[in-house]
């Protein structure tokens, strides 16, 4: 099972990353990433993006003003320049945000941030993994699962364990855009679909 999933994971990871990077948010994220990489400020840009995302979620009125289509380019420039100084943002990030505002693409922000984060962690050989279970896992169970996942992913794994009672049993492992669902609900759904398929096939004869 681990070998099969590992092969599936490799092909899916590459395919998903290619799809992400060719999407509109992906092209913006990659351009920012390459600029930050060239200037050697990948970590700093990541911190700036997270600070701005906190602003987006906690100060929605301010963010709406920054994304406003009513403002002209000069007003947007002055707003972003002022915000950049106040928040101590790096110039490439301020310029990038002004470009998004001018092109009315700030609604892509969550996707751009997500893809930049994937690129950044991939560069550092890191991977965020969320493990959801119906009941809390013991320390021993967490360690055993961690060992299994490390055989599948060679990156440095940043594991988060979360209890999700709706799963009833089993577990769900998520990493970036890849999801392995081994929950009770998933098993029942697959079984039901298989039985329906057999039933439909038998009724046609």
Protein backbone atom coordinates (compact mmCIF):
# COMPACT_ATOMS: atom_id res chain seq x y z
CA UNK A 1 0.00 0.00 0.00
CA UNK A 2 2.78 2.42 0.92
CA UNK A 3 4.64 1.73 -2.37
CA UNK A 4 1.48 2.15 -4.46
CA UNK A 5 0.58 5.39 -2.72
CA UNK A 6 4.16 6.64 -3.07
CA UNK A 7 4.06 6.16 -6.85
CA UNK A 8 0.62 7.76 -6.98
CA UNK A 9 1.87 10.64 -4.83
CA UNK A 10 4.87 11.35 -7.07
CA UNK A 11 2.80 11.48 -10.26
CA UNK A 12 0.01 13.48 -8.60
CA UNK A 13 2.39 15.96 -6.99
CA UNK A 14 4.07 16.74 -10.31
CA UNK A 15 0.77 16.96 -12.18
CA UNK A 16 -0.87 19.17 -9.56
CA UNK A 17 2.13 21.48 -9.33
CA UNK A 18 2.14 21.86 -13.11
CA UNK A 19 -1.57 22.69 -13.10
CA UNK A 20 -1.12 25.18 -10.27
CA UNK A 21 1.79 26.96 -11.94
CA UNK A 22 0.00 27.30 -15.28
CA UNK A 23 -3.10 28.78 -13.64
CA UNK A 24 -3.44 32.56 -13.43
CA UNK A 25 -2.67 32.69 -9.67
CA UNK A 26 0.19 30.27 -10.29
CA UNK A 27 1.81 32.53 -12.87
CA UNK A 28 1.68 35.49 -10.48
CA UNK A 29 3.02 33.39 -7.59
CA UNK A 30 5.85 31.97 -9.68
CA UNK A 31 6.87 35.43 -10.91
CA UNK A 32 7.07 36.71 -7.32
CA UNK A 33 8.90 33.56 -6.22
CA UNK A 34 11.53 33.88 -8.96
CA UNK A 35 12.06 37.56 -8.11
CA UNK A 36 12.43 36.77 -4.40
CA UNK A 37 14.76 33.86 -5.16
CA UNK A 38 16.95 36.05 -7.35
CA UNK A 39 17.27 38.66 -4.59
CA UNK A 40 17.75 36.04 -1.87
CA UNK A 41 14.70 37.11 0.14
CA UNK A 42 12.40 34.07 -0.12
CA UNK A 43 11.83 33.88 3.64
CA UNK A 44 11.33 37.64 3.98
CA UNK A 45 8.79 37.73 1.17
CA UNK A 46 6.92 34.80 2.75
CA UNK A 47 6.75 36.74 6.02
CA UNK A 48 5.52 39.86 4.20
CA UNK A 49 2.80 37.87 2.43
CA UNK A 50 1.61 36.39 5.71
CA UNK A 51 1.51 39.85 7.31
CA UNK A 52 -0.61 41.11 4.43
CA UNK A 53 -2.88 38.09 4.62
CA UNK A 54 -3.45 38.81 8.30
CA UNK A 55 -4.41 42.35 7.28
CA UNK A 56 -6.78 40.94 4.65
CA UNK A 57 -8.62 38.74 7.14
CA UNK A 58 -8.57 41.06 10.16
CA UNK A 59 -9.03 44.45 8.47
CA UNK A 60 -11.41 43.75 5.63
CA UNK A 61 -12.40 47.38 5.09
CA UNK A 62 -8.78 48.42 4.62
CA UNK A 63 -8.21 45.55 2.19
CA UNK A 64 -11.34 46.44 0.24
CA UNK A 65 -10.06 50.01 -0.05
CA UNK A 66 -6.73 48.74 -1.34
CA UNK A 67 -8.52 46.58 -3.90
CA UNK A 68 -11.09 49.24 -4.79
CA UNK A 69 -11.78 49.73 -8.47
CA UNK A 70 -12.83 53.30 -7.73
CA UNK A 71 -9.28 54.47 -7.00
CA UNK A 72 -7.05 55.51 -9.86
CA UNK A 73 -3.53 54.15 -10.33
CA UNK A 74 -1.92 57.12 -8.59
CA UNK A 75 -4.11 56.71 -5.50
CA UNK A 76 -3.41 52.98 -5.39
CA UNK A 77 0.31 53.69 -5.69
CA UNK A 78 0.23 56.12 -2.74
CA UNK A 79 -1.85 53.75 -0.60
CA UNK A 80 0.44 50.77 -1.17
CA UNK A 81 3.58 52.84 -0.70
CA UNK A 82 2.26 54.12 2.61
CA UNK A 83 1.21 50.65 3.72
CA UNK A 84 4.58 49.24 2.68
CA UNK A 85 6.43 51.73 4.89
CA UNK A 86 4.08 51.22 7.83
CA UNK A 87 4.32 47.41 7.68
CA UNK A 88 8.03 47.39 6.71
CA UNK A 89 7.34 45.41 3.55
CA UNK A 90 10.08 44.64 1.04
CA UNK A 91 9.90 46.65 -2.22
CA UNK A 92 9.23 43.60 -4.47
CA UNK A 93 6.18 42.75 -2.37
CA UNK A 94 4.84 46.32 -2.50
CA UNK A 95 5.40 46.46 -6.27
CA UNK A 96 3.74 43.07 -6.68
CA UNK A 97 0.68 44.18 -4.70
CA UNK A 98 0.40 47.40 -6.67
CA UNK A 99 0.50 45.36 -9.88
CA UNK A 100 -2.30 43.12 -8.61
CA UNK A 101 -4.35 46.15 -7.58
CA UNK A 102 -3.86 47.89 -10.93
CA UNK A 103 -4.81 44.76 -12.84
CA UNK A 104 -7.76 44.12 -10.49
CA UNK A 105 -6.39 40.73 -9.47
CA UNK A 106 -6.35 41.05 -5.67
CA UNK A 107 -9.23 38.58 -5.48
CA UNK A 108 -6.62 35.97 -6.44
CA UNK A 109 -4.65 36.70 -3.27
CA UNK A 110 -5.50 33.52 -1.27
CA UNK A 111 -4.56 31.28 -4.20
CA UNK A 112 -1.37 33.23 -4.92
CA UNK A 113 -0.33 33.00 -1.27
CA UNK A 114 -1.03 29.26 -1.19
CA UNK A 115 0.99 28.54 -4.33
CA UNK A 116 3.90 30.73 -3.21
CA UNK A 117 3.91 28.82 0.07
CA UNK A 118 4.08 25.51 -1.82
CA UNK A 119 6.97 26.75 -3.96
CA UNK A 120 8.78 28.12 -0.91
CA UNK A 121 8.45 24.92 1.11
CA UNK A 122 9.40 22.79 -1.89
CA UNK A 123 12.57 24.85 -2.27
CA UNK A 124 13.39 24.25 1.40
CA UNK A 125 12.50 20.57 1.22
CA UNK A 126 9.57 20.96 3.61
CA UNK A 127 6.01 19.69 3.45
CA UNK A 128 3.00 20.49 5.63
CA UNK A 129 0.89 17.43 6.37
CA UNK A 130 -2.48 17.49 8.15
CA UNK A 131 -3.67 14.21 9.66
CA UNK A 132 -7.32 14.05 10.70
CA UNK A 133 -8.71 11.21 12.81
CA UNK A 134 -12.04 10.54 14.50
CA UNK A 135 -10.40 10.16 17.92
CA UNK A 136 -7.06 11.42 19.30
CA UNK A 137 -4.04 9.36 18.31
CA UNK A 138 -1.64 8.16 20.98
CA UNK A 139 1.97 9.31 20.89
CA UNK A 140 3.00 5.84 19.70
CA UNK A 141 0.41 5.89 16.89
CA UNK A 142 1.58 9.34 15.80
CA UNK A 143 5.20 8.18 15.71
CA UNK A 144 4.32 5.07 13.67
CA UNK A 145 2.28 7.07 11.18
CA UNK A 146 5.06 9.65 10.96
CA UNK A 147 7.55 6.91 10.05
CA UNK A 148 5.21 5.61 7.34
CA UNK A 149 4.66 9.07 5.84
CA UNK A 150 8.40 9.74 5.82
CA UNK A 151 8.83 6.65 3.63
CA UNK A 152 6.35 8.16 1.18
CA UNK A 153 7.56 11.76 1.30
CA UNK A 154 11.30 12.37 1.54
CA UNK A 155 10.78 16.00 2.54
CA UNK A 156 11.03 17.33 6.07
CA UNK A 157 7.46 16.81 7.26
CA UNK A 158 5.66 19.36 9.42
CA UNK A 159 2.89 17.21 10.87
CA UNK A 160 -0.32 18.50 12.41
CA UNK A 161 -2.71 16.05 14.06
CA UNK A 162 -6.36 17.08 14.27
CA UNK A 163 -9.45 15.36 15.66
CA UNK A 164 -12.45 15.33 13.32
CA UNK A 165 -15.40 13.41 14.87
CA UNK A 166 -17.32 13.46 11.57
CA UNK A 167 -14.91 10.87 10.16
CA UNK A 168 -16.37 8.22 12.54
CA UNK A 169 -13.31 6.00 11.98
CA UNK A 170 -10.11 5.83 9.93
CA UNK A 171 -8.07 8.85 8.92
CA UNK A 172 -7.56 11.52 6.26
CA UNK A 173 -4.09 12.76 5.27
CA UNK A 174 -3.80 16.07 3.41
CA UNK A 175 -0.72 17.73 1.98
CA UNK A 176 -1.01 20.79 -0.24
CA UNK A 177 -3.55 19.72 -2.89
CA UNK A 178 -3.16 15.99 -2.32
CA UNK A 179 -5.66 14.14 -0.14
CA UNK A 180 -5.59 10.50 0.99
CA UNK A 181 -8.98 9.56 2.41
CA UNK A 182 -8.93 6.29 4.38
CA UNK A 183 -11.90 7.20 6.54
CA UNK A 184 -14.92 5.02 7.30
CA UNK A 185 -17.16 7.40 5.33
CA UNK A 186 -14.93 7.16 2.26
CA UNK A 187 -14.93 3.37 2.45
CA UNK A 188 -18.74 3.22 2.71
CA UNK A 189 -19.14 5.69 -0.17
CA UNK A 190 -16.84 3.62 -2.41
CA UNK A 191 -18.60 0.40 -1.44
CA UNK A 192 -22.02 1.94 -2.13
CA UNK A 193 -20.86 3.18 -5.54
CA UNK A 194 -19.47 -0.26 -6.37
CA UNK A 195 -22.73 -1.97 -5.34
CA UNK A 196 -24.78 0.49 -7.38
CA UNK A 197 -22.56 -0.22 -10.38
CA UNK A 198 -23.09 -3.97 -10.04
CA UNK A 199 -26.82 -3.44 -9.56
CA UNK A 200 -27.11 -1.28 -12.68
CA UNK A 201 -25.11 -3.79 -14.69
CA UNK A 202 -27.35 -6.68 -13.56
CA UNK A 203 -30.56 -4.81 -14.41
CA UNK A 204 -29.40 -4.27 -18.00
CA UNK A 205 -29.25 -8.04 -18.62
